[in-house]
Amino acid sequence: MSEAPHPIEDADLDWVLALNQAHVAETSDLTRASLSRMVEEAAYARCVDAPGAFLLVFDQTADYDSPNFLWFRERYDRFLYVDRIVVAATHRRRGLAKTLYEDLFDVARALGHAHVGCEVNSDPPNPGSDAFHEALGFEKVGEARLIGRGKSVRYLSKPL
């Protein structure tokens, strides 16, 4: 059984950064300073079973310029956007991602949000993430080709 998700603290930043950088193809490149700014700006920044998994989520008020985040901002007045979730290879198949998402859904409902949005790479494909999000009840709401980034994404939303 894993621990309950807890806020990402300064003591967690080094392992969270290392985990992000190990999965930069699925997320994006960060420095410790940029990660720290993201954690401060996030509506939800939690981790579980250090160095197991972390989740960063922004709401519509975030000062954030990700094209995927901006896609949701242009279409929804109020939302929570999952920017990144990463589970260490050594901690997979333990339910950590599901634990983080269920905690996020509880927080989102408590804050009065009607849905949580995210994107999943479609090119290159990410079938594991597709299956995971579908099992949690996410539905496709759009798609985009990210010029200059060499990938395409599907935008997903989970009604709460």
N, C-alpha and C. Protein backbone atom coordinates (compact mmCIF):
# COMPACT_ATOMS: atom_id res chain seq x y z
N MET A 1 0.84 -1.19 0.00
CA MET A 1 0.00 0.00 0.00
C MET A 1 0.88 1.24 0.00
N SER A 2 0.58 2.18 -0.86
CA SER A 2 1.39 3.38 -0.94
C SER A 2 0.93 4.42 0.07
N GLU A 3 1.77 5.38 0.30
CA GLU A 3 1.43 6.50 1.17
C GLU A 3 0.40 7.39 0.48
N ALA A 4 -0.21 8.27 1.24
CA ALA A 4 -1.15 9.24 0.67
C ALA A 4 -0.35 10.31 -0.07
N PRO A 5 -0.91 10.84 -1.16
CA PRO A 5 -0.23 11.94 -1.86
C PRO A 5 -0.01 13.13 -0.92
N HIS A 6 1.12 13.77 -1.08
CA HIS A 6 1.41 14.97 -0.27
C HIS A 6 2.00 16.04 -1.18
N PRO A 7 1.88 17.32 -0.76
CA PRO A 7 2.41 18.41 -1.58
C PRO A 7 3.91 18.23 -1.85
N ILE A 8 4.31 18.58 -3.06
CA ILE A 8 5.73 18.56 -3.40
C ILE A 8 6.41 19.68 -2.61
N GLU A 9 7.40 19.30 -1.85
CA GLU A 9 8.14 20.24 -1.02
C GLU A 9 9.54 20.41 -1.58
N ASP A 10 10.27 21.38 -1.07
CA ASP A 10 11.63 21.64 -1.53
C ASP A 10 12.50 20.39 -1.46
N ALA A 11 12.30 19.60 -0.42
CA ALA A 11 13.10 18.37 -0.25
C ALA A 11 12.81 17.34 -1.34
N ASP A 12 11.67 17.46 -2.02
CA ASP A 12 11.30 16.53 -3.10
C ASP A 12 11.81 16.96 -4.46
N LEU A 13 12.22 18.22 -4.61
CA LEU A 13 12.50 18.77 -5.94
C LEU A 13 13.58 18.01 -6.70
N ASP A 14 14.63 17.55 -6.02
CA ASP A 14 15.71 16.87 -6.74
C ASP A 14 15.23 15.57 -7.38
N TRP A 15 14.50 14.74 -6.63
CA TRP A 15 14.03 13.48 -7.22
C TRP A 15 12.92 13.71 -8.24
N VAL A 16 12.07 14.70 -8.00
CA VAL A 16 11.02 15.01 -8.97
C VAL A 16 11.66 15.47 -10.29
N LEU A 17 12.67 16.33 -10.19
CA LEU A 17 13.37 16.80 -11.39
C LEU A 17 14.05 15.63 -12.11
N ALA A 18 14.73 14.77 -11.38
CA ALA A 18 15.39 13.62 -12.01
C ALA A 18 14.38 12.73 -12.71
N LEU A 19 13.24 12.52 -12.09
CA LEU A 19 12.19 11.69 -12.69
C LEU A 19 11.64 12.36 -13.94
N ASN A 20 11.40 13.66 -13.88
CA ASN A 20 10.93 14.39 -15.07
C ASN A 20 11.94 14.27 -16.20
N GLN A 21 13.20 14.48 -15.90
CA GLN A 21 14.23 14.47 -16.94
C GLN A 21 14.42 13.09 -17.55
N ALA A 22 14.11 12.05 -16.77
CA ALA A 22 14.19 10.69 -17.31
C ALA A 22 13.07 10.41 -18.30
N HIS A 23 12.05 11.29 -18.31
CA HIS A 23 10.89 11.12 -19.19
C HIS A 23 10.62 12.38 -20.00
N VAL A 24 11.69 13.08 -20.36
CA VAL A 24 11.55 14.37 -21.03
C VAL A 24 10.86 14.24 -22.40
N ALA A 25 10.94 13.09 -23.04
CA ALA A 25 10.26 12.90 -24.33
C ALA A 25 8.75 12.98 -24.16
N GLU A 26 8.24 12.54 -23.02
CA GLU A 26 6.80 12.59 -22.76
C GLU A 26 6.38 13.88 -22.07
N THR A 27 7.29 14.54 -21.41
CA THR A 27 6.96 15.77 -20.67
C THR A 27 7.61 16.95 -21.37
N SER A 28 8.58 17.56 -20.76
CA SER A 28 9.41 18.59 -21.37
C SER A 28 10.59 18.85 -20.44
N ASP A 29 11.62 19.41 -21.01
CA ASP A 29 12.86 19.68 -20.27
C ASP A 29 12.62 20.73 -19.20
N LEU A 30 13.14 20.48 -18.00
CA LEU A 30 13.04 21.44 -16.90
C LEU A 30 14.39 21.61 -16.23
N THR A 31 14.55 22.74 -15.58
CA THR A 31 15.65 22.96 -14.65
C THR A 31 15.06 22.94 -13.25
N ARG A 32 15.91 22.92 -12.25
CA ARG A 32 15.38 22.96 -10.88
C ARG A 32 14.60 24.24 -10.65
N ALA A 33 15.10 25.34 -11.18
CA ALA A 33 14.41 26.63 -11.02
C ALA A 33 13.06 26.64 -11.72
N SER A 34 12.99 26.11 -12.95
CA SER A 34 11.70 26.09 -13.66
C SER A 34 10.72 25.14 -12.98
N LEU A 35 11.20 24.02 -12.47
CA LEU A 35 10.34 23.10 -11.74
C LEU A 35 9.80 23.78 -10.48
N SER A 36 10.66 24.46 -9.76
CA SER A 36 10.24 25.15 -8.54
C SER A 36 9.15 26.19 -8.84
N ARG A 37 9.32 26.94 -9.93
CA ARG A 37 8.30 27.92 -10.34
C ARG A 37 6.98 27.22 -10.68
N MET A 38 7.06 26.10 -11.37
CA MET A 38 5.86 25.35 -11.73
C MET A 38 5.12 24.86 -10.49
N VAL A 39 5.86 24.34 -9.53
CA VAL A 39 5.25 23.85 -8.29
C VAL A 39 4.55 24.99 -7.57
N GLU A 40 5.18 26.16 -7.53
CA GLU A 40 4.57 27.32 -6.87
C GLU A 40 3.31 27.78 -7.60
N GLU A 41 3.29 27.71 -8.91
CA GLU A 41 2.17 28.18 -9.72
C GLU A 41 1.03 27.16 -9.79
N ALA A 42 1.34 25.91 -9.54
CA ALA A 42 0.37 24.83 -9.71
C ALA A 42 -0.80 24.93 -8.72
N ALA A 43 -1.97 24.53 -9.20
CA ALA A 43 -3.14 24.41 -8.34
C ALA A 43 -3.06 23.10 -7.55
N TYR A 44 -2.32 22.14 -8.10
CA TYR A 44 -2.15 20.84 -7.48
C TYR A 44 -0.75 20.36 -7.85
N ALA A 45 0.10 20.16 -6.87
CA ALA A 45 1.47 19.66 -7.08
C ALA A 45 1.75 18.67 -5.95
N ARG A 46 1.55 17.40 -6.26
CA ARG A 46 1.70 16.38 -5.22
C ARG A 46 2.53 15.21 -5.72
N CYS A 47 3.08 14.50 -4.75
CA CYS A 47 3.88 13.33 -5.06
C CYS A 47 3.50 12.22 -4.10
N VAL A 48 3.99 11.02 -4.42
CA VAL A 48 3.68 9.85 -3.60
C VAL A 48 4.85 8.87 -3.69
N ASP A 49 5.12 8.21 -2.57
CA ASP A 49 6.14 7.15 -2.50
C ASP A 49 7.49 7.58 -3.09
N ALA A 50 8.04 8.67 -2.59
CA ALA A 50 9.32 9.19 -3.09
C ALA A 50 10.35 8.07 -3.19
N PRO A 51 11.00 7.96 -4.31
CA PRO A 51 10.91 8.73 -5.55
C PRO A 51 9.97 8.08 -6.58
N GLY A 52 8.73 7.86 -6.20
CA GLY A 52 7.81 7.08 -7.02
C GLY A 52 7.10 7.81 -8.12
N ALA A 53 6.32 8.86 -7.78
CA ALA A 53 5.49 9.50 -8.79
C ALA A 53 5.14 10.92 -8.36
N PHE A 54 4.86 11.76 -9.36
CA PHE A 54 4.40 13.12 -9.07
C PHE A 54 3.40 13.55 -10.13
N LEU A 55 2.60 14.57 -9.76
CA LEU A 55 1.57 15.10 -10.64
C LEU A 55 1.53 16.61 -10.47
N LEU A 56 1.59 17.34 -11.60
CA LEU A 56 1.50 18.81 -11.61
C LEU A 56 0.28 19.22 -12.42
N VAL A 57 -0.56 20.08 -11.83
CA VAL A 57 -1.82 20.48 -12.42
C VAL A 57 -1.99 22.00 -12.26
N PHE A 58 -2.49 22.65 -13.31
CA PHE A 58 -2.74 24.10 -13.28
C PHE A 58 -4.21 24.39 -13.46
N ASP A 59 -4.67 25.49 -12.87
CA ASP A 59 -6.03 25.93 -13.15
C ASP A 59 -5.99 27.07 -14.16
N GLN A 60 -7.15 27.56 -14.54
CA GLN A 60 -7.27 28.55 -15.60
C GLN A 60 -6.59 29.88 -15.29
N THR A 61 -6.23 30.13 -14.04
CA THR A 61 -5.59 31.39 -13.67
C THR A 61 -4.07 31.34 -13.76
N ALA A 62 -3.51 30.20 -14.06
CA ALA A 62 -2.05 30.02 -14.03
C ALA A 62 -1.35 30.91 -15.05
N ASP A 63 -0.19 31.39 -14.65
CA ASP A 63 0.70 32.12 -15.55
C ASP A 63 1.60 31.07 -16.20
N TYR A 64 1.09 30.48 -17.28
CA TYR A 64 1.75 29.33 -17.89
C TYR A 64 1.50 29.40 -19.39
N ASP A 65 2.53 29.17 -20.19
CA ASP A 65 2.40 29.37 -21.63
C ASP A 65 2.49 28.09 -22.47
N SER A 66 2.30 26.95 -21.86
CA SER A 66 2.29 25.70 -22.61
C SER A 66 1.17 25.76 -23.66
N PRO A 67 1.47 25.37 -24.91
CA PRO A 67 0.41 25.39 -25.93
C PRO A 67 -0.77 24.48 -25.57
N ASN A 68 -0.51 23.41 -24.87
CA ASN A 68 -1.59 22.51 -24.47
C ASN A 68 -2.47 23.14 -23.40
N PHE A 69 -1.85 23.78 -22.43
CA PHE A 69 -2.60 24.52 -21.41
C PHE A 69 -3.42 25.62 -22.06
N LEU A 70 -2.80 26.37 -22.99
CA LEU A 70 -3.50 27.47 -23.66
C LEU A 70 -4.68 26.97 -24.49
N TRP A 71 -4.58 25.75 -25.04
CA TRP A 71 -5.70 25.17 -25.78
C TRP A 71 -6.93 25.08 -24.87
N PHE A 72 -6.74 24.60 -23.64
CA PHE A 72 -7.85 24.52 -22.69
C PHE A 72 -8.33 25.91 -22.27
N ARG A 73 -7.40 26.82 -22.05
CA ARG A 73 -7.78 28.17 -21.63
C ARG A 73 -8.66 28.86 -22.68
N GLU A 74 -8.38 28.61 -23.96
CA GLU A 74 -9.17 29.22 -25.03
C GLU A 74 -10.58 28.64 -25.11
N ARG A 75 -10.81 27.48 -24.54
CA ARG A 75 -12.09 26.79 -24.71
C ARG A 75 -12.92 26.64 -23.44
N TYR A 76 -12.30 26.79 -22.29
CA TYR A 76 -13.00 26.57 -21.02
C TYR A 76 -12.76 27.74 -20.09
N ASP A 77 -13.83 28.19 -19.43
CA ASP A 77 -13.71 29.29 -18.47
C ASP A 77 -13.04 28.84 -17.19
N ARG A 78 -13.32 27.61 -16.80
CA ARG A 78 -12.81 27.09 -15.53
C ARG A 78 -12.40 25.64 -15.73
N PHE A 79 -11.19 25.30 -15.34
CA PHE A 79 -10.70 23.94 -15.56
C PHE A 79 -9.48 23.67 -14.71
N LEU A 80 -9.15 22.39 -14.58
CA LEU A 80 -7.87 21.96 -14.06
C LEU A 80 -7.20 21.21 -15.20
N TYR A 81 -5.94 21.54 -15.45
CA TYR A 81 -5.18 20.96 -16.56
C TYR A 81 -4.01 20.15 -16.01
N VAL A 82 -3.99 18.87 -16.32
CA VAL A 82 -2.87 18.00 -15.93
C VAL A 82 -1.71 18.28 -16.87
N ASP A 83 -0.68 18.91 -16.35
CA ASP A 83 0.49 19.22 -17.17
C ASP A 83 1.41 18.02 -17.31
N ARG A 84 1.62 17.32 -16.22
CA ARG A 84 2.49 16.15 -16.28
C ARG A 84 2.26 15.24 -15.08
N ILE A 85 2.30 13.97 -15.37
CA ILE A 85 2.32 12.93 -14.34
C ILE A 85 3.41 11.96 -14.77
N VAL A 86 4.28 11.62 -13.84
CA VAL A 86 5.38 10.71 -14.14
C VAL A 86 5.50 9.70 -13.01
N VAL A 87 5.61 8.44 -13.40
CA VAL A 87 5.82 7.35 -12.43
C VAL A 87 7.16 6.70 -12.77
N ALA A 88 8.00 6.57 -11.76
CA ALA A 88 9.30 5.92 -11.95
C ALA A 88 9.11 4.49 -12.42
N ALA A 89 9.99 4.03 -13.30
CA ALA A 89 9.92 2.66 -13.81
C ALA A 89 9.93 1.65 -12.65
N THR A 90 10.67 1.95 -11.60
CA THR A 90 10.77 1.05 -10.45
C THR A 90 9.51 1.02 -9.59
N HIS A 91 8.58 1.95 -9.85
CA HIS A 91 7.36 2.06 -9.04
C HIS A 91 6.08 1.81 -9.84
N ARG A 92 6.23 1.32 -11.06
CA ARG A 92 5.04 1.09 -11.90
C ARG A 92 4.28 -0.14 -11.44
N ARG A 93 3.00 -0.17 -11.83
CA ARG A 93 2.09 -1.27 -11.51
C ARG A 93 1.79 -1.35 -10.02
N ARG A 94 1.91 -0.23 -9.34
CA ARG A 94 1.58 -0.16 -7.91
C ARG A 94 0.36 0.72 -7.66
N GLY A 95 -0.21 1.29 -8.71
CA GLY A 95 -1.39 2.14 -8.57
C GLY A 95 -1.10 3.57 -8.18
N LEU A 96 0.16 4.00 -8.32
CA LEU A 96 0.50 5.36 -7.90
C LEU A 96 -0.17 6.43 -8.75
N ALA A 97 -0.20 6.23 -10.07
CA ALA A 97 -0.85 7.22 -10.94
C ALA A 97 -2.33 7.31 -10.61
N LYS A 98 -2.96 6.18 -10.43
CA LYS A 98 -4.39 6.17 -10.08
C LYS A 98 -4.62 6.85 -8.73
N THR A 99 -3.75 6.59 -7.77
CA THR A 99 -3.85 7.23 -6.46
C THR A 99 -3.77 8.75 -6.59
N LEU A 100 -2.81 9.24 -7.38
CA LEU A 100 -2.67 10.68 -7.58
C LEU A 100 -3.90 11.25 -8.29
N TYR A 101 -4.36 10.61 -9.35
CA TYR A 101 -5.53 11.10 -10.08
C TYR A 101 -6.78 11.10 -9.19
N GLU A 102 -7.01 10.06 -8.42
CA GLU A 102 -8.19 10.03 -7.56
C GLU A 102 -8.14 11.15 -6.52
N ASP A 103 -6.96 11.41 -5.99
CA ASP A 103 -6.79 12.52 -5.07
C ASP A 103 -7.08 13.85 -5.79
N LEU A 104 -6.56 13.99 -7.00
CA LEU A 104 -6.83 15.19 -7.79
C LEU A 104 -8.33 15.37 -8.02
N PHE A 105 -9.03 14.31 -8.39
CA PHE A 105 -10.47 14.40 -8.64
C PHE A 105 -11.21 14.86 -7.38
N ASP A 106 -10.80 14.36 -6.22
CA ASP A 106 -11.41 14.80 -4.95
C ASP A 106 -11.17 16.29 -4.73
N VAL A 107 -9.95 16.74 -4.95
CA VAL A 107 -9.61 18.16 -4.79
C VAL A 107 -10.41 19.00 -5.79
N ALA A 108 -10.48 18.54 -7.04
CA ALA A 108 -11.19 19.28 -8.08
C ALA A 108 -12.67 19.44 -7.71
N ARG A 109 -13.30 18.38 -7.26
CA ARG A 109 -14.71 18.46 -6.85
C ARG A 109 -14.88 19.43 -5.70
N ALA A 110 -13.98 19.35 -4.72
CA ALA A 110 -14.05 20.25 -3.55
C ALA A 110 -13.92 21.71 -3.97
N LEU A 111 -13.17 21.97 -5.04
CA LEU A 111 -12.98 23.34 -5.54
C LEU A 111 -14.10 23.76 -6.49
N GLY A 112 -15.01 22.84 -6.79
CA GLY A 112 -16.13 23.15 -7.66
C GLY A 112 -15.85 23.05 -9.15
N HIS A 113 -14.82 22.32 -9.53
CA HIS A 113 -14.52 22.14 -10.95
C HIS A 113 -15.41 21.05 -11.54
N ALA A 114 -15.81 21.26 -12.79
CA ALA A 114 -16.69 20.31 -13.47
C ALA A 114 -15.91 19.28 -14.28
N HIS A 115 -14.63 19.58 -14.56
CA HIS A 115 -13.84 18.62 -15.33
C HIS A 115 -12.35 18.86 -15.14
N VAL A 116 -11.59 17.83 -15.49
CA VAL A 116 -10.13 17.87 -15.50
C VAL A 116 -9.69 17.56 -16.92
N GLY A 117 -8.78 18.36 -17.47
CA GLY A 117 -8.29 18.15 -18.82
C GLY A 117 -6.83 17.74 -18.85
N CYS A 118 -6.44 17.12 -19.94
CA CYS A 118 -5.05 16.73 -20.16
C CYS A 118 -4.84 16.49 -21.64
N GLU A 119 -3.61 16.19 -22.02
CA GLU A 119 -3.34 15.75 -23.38
C GLU A 119 -2.50 14.49 -23.32
N VAL A 120 -2.65 13.69 -24.36
CA VAL A 120 -1.85 12.47 -24.50
C VAL A 120 -1.26 12.48 -25.91
N ASN A 121 0.01 12.16 -26.02
CA ASN A 121 0.64 12.11 -27.34
C ASN A 121 -0.07 11.08 -28.22
N SER A 122 -0.36 11.50 -29.46
CA SER A 122 -0.88 10.55 -30.44
C SER A 122 0.18 10.21 -31.48
N ASP A 123 1.15 11.11 -31.65
CA ASP A 123 2.29 10.88 -32.55
C ASP A 123 3.50 11.57 -31.93
N PRO A 124 4.42 10.86 -31.31
CA PRO A 124 4.44 9.40 -31.22
C PRO A 124 3.34 8.88 -30.29
N PRO A 125 2.83 7.69 -30.58
CA PRO A 125 1.73 7.15 -29.79
C PRO A 125 2.15 6.79 -28.38
N ASN A 126 1.17 6.82 -27.49
CA ASN A 126 1.39 6.45 -26.10
C ASN A 126 0.22 5.57 -25.65
N PRO A 127 0.17 4.30 -26.13
CA PRO A 127 -0.98 3.44 -25.86
C PRO A 127 -1.21 3.18 -24.37
N GLY A 128 -0.16 3.13 -23.59
CA GLY A 128 -0.33 2.92 -22.15
C GLY A 128 -1.10 4.07 -21.51
N SER A 129 -0.73 5.29 -21.88
CA SER A 129 -1.42 6.46 -21.35
C SER A 129 -2.86 6.53 -21.87
N ASP A 130 -3.04 6.18 -23.14
CA ASP A 130 -4.39 6.15 -23.71
C ASP A 130 -5.30 5.23 -22.89
N ALA A 131 -4.84 4.01 -22.64
CA ALA A 131 -5.64 3.02 -21.91
C ALA A 131 -5.90 3.48 -20.47
N PHE A 132 -4.89 4.04 -19.84
CA PHE A 132 -5.02 4.52 -18.47
C PHE A 132 -6.09 5.60 -18.37
N HIS A 133 -5.99 6.61 -19.23
CA HIS A 133 -6.95 7.72 -19.18
C HIS A 133 -8.36 7.28 -19.55
N GLU A 134 -8.48 6.38 -20.51
CA GLU A 134 -9.80 5.87 -20.87
C GLU A 134 -10.44 5.14 -19.69
N ALA A 135 -9.64 4.35 -18.97
CA ALA A 135 -10.16 3.61 -17.82
C ALA A 135 -10.63 4.55 -16.71
N LEU A 136 -10.04 5.74 -16.63
CA LEU A 136 -10.44 6.73 -15.63
C LEU A 136 -11.63 7.57 -16.07
N GLY A 137 -12.09 7.38 -17.31
CA GLY A 137 -13.27 8.11 -17.77
C GLY A 137 -12.98 9.38 -18.56
N PHE A 138 -11.75 9.55 -19.02
CA PHE A 138 -11.44 10.71 -19.87
C PHE A 138 -12.01 10.48 -21.26
N GLU A 139 -12.45 11.57 -21.88
CA GLU A 139 -13.02 11.54 -23.23
C GLU A 139 -12.28 12.52 -24.12
N LYS A 140 -12.13 12.19 -25.39
CA LYS A 140 -11.46 13.07 -26.35
C LYS A 140 -12.32 14.30 -26.60
N VAL A 141 -11.67 15.49 -26.51
CA VAL A 141 -12.37 16.75 -26.77
C VAL A 141 -11.68 17.57 -27.87
N GLY A 142 -10.55 17.10 -28.38
CA GLY A 142 -9.85 17.82 -29.44
C GLY A 142 -8.53 17.17 -29.75
N GLU A 143 -7.81 17.79 -30.71
CA GLU A 143 -6.49 17.31 -31.09
C GLU A 143 -5.71 18.44 -31.73
N ALA A 144 -4.39 18.29 -31.77
CA ALA A 144 -3.54 19.32 -32.37
C ALA A 144 -2.22 18.72 -32.80
N ARG A 145 -1.64 19.33 -33.81
CA ARG A 145 -0.26 19.03 -34.23
C ARG A 145 0.59 20.15 -33.69
N LEU A 146 1.56 19.83 -32.87
CA LEU A 146 2.40 20.85 -32.25
C LEU A 146 3.59 21.14 -33.16
N ILE A 147 3.45 22.21 -33.92
CA ILE A 147 4.47 22.62 -34.88
C ILE A 147 5.78 22.91 -34.14
N GLY A 148 6.87 22.40 -34.68
CA GLY A 148 8.18 22.63 -34.07
C GLY A 148 8.51 21.68 -32.95
N ARG A 149 7.54 20.89 -32.52
CA ARG A 149 7.79 19.94 -31.43
C ARG A 149 7.77 18.51 -31.93
N GLY A 150 7.38 18.34 -33.19
CA GLY A 150 7.41 17.02 -33.79
C GLY A 150 6.47 16.01 -33.20
N LYS A 151 5.33 16.48 -32.68
CA LYS A 151 4.37 15.52 -32.15
C LYS A 151 2.96 16.05 -32.30
N SER A 152 2.02 15.11 -32.21
CA SER A 152 0.60 15.42 -32.21
C SER A 152 0.02 14.93 -30.89
N VAL A 153 -1.04 15.61 -30.46
CA VAL A 153 -1.66 15.24 -29.19
C VAL A 153 -3.18 15.15 -29.34
N ARG A 154 -3.77 14.38 -28.44
CA ARG A 154 -5.22 14.35 -28.27
C ARG A 154 -5.51 15.03 -26.94
N TYR A 155 -6.50 15.93 -26.95
CA TYR A 155 -6.93 16.59 -25.72
C TYR A 155 -8.08 15.79 -25.12
N LEU A 156 -7.98 15.53 -23.85
CA LEU A 156 -8.95 14.72 -23.12
C LEU A 156 -9.55 15.49 -21.96
N SER A 157 -10.77 15.17 -21.61
CA SER A 157 -11.43 15.78 -20.47
C SER A 157 -12.17 14.71 -19.69
N LYS A 158 -12.13 14.84 -18.37
CA LYS A 158 -12.87 13.93 -17.49
C LYS A 158 -13.94 14.73 -16.79
N PRO A 159 -15.22 14.43 -17.09
CA PRO A 159 -16.29 15.09 -16.36
C PRO A 159 -16.30 14.62 -14.91
N LEU A 160 -16.54 15.53 -13.99
CA LEU A 160 -16.56 15.16 -12.57
C LEU A 160 -17.98 15.16 -12.02
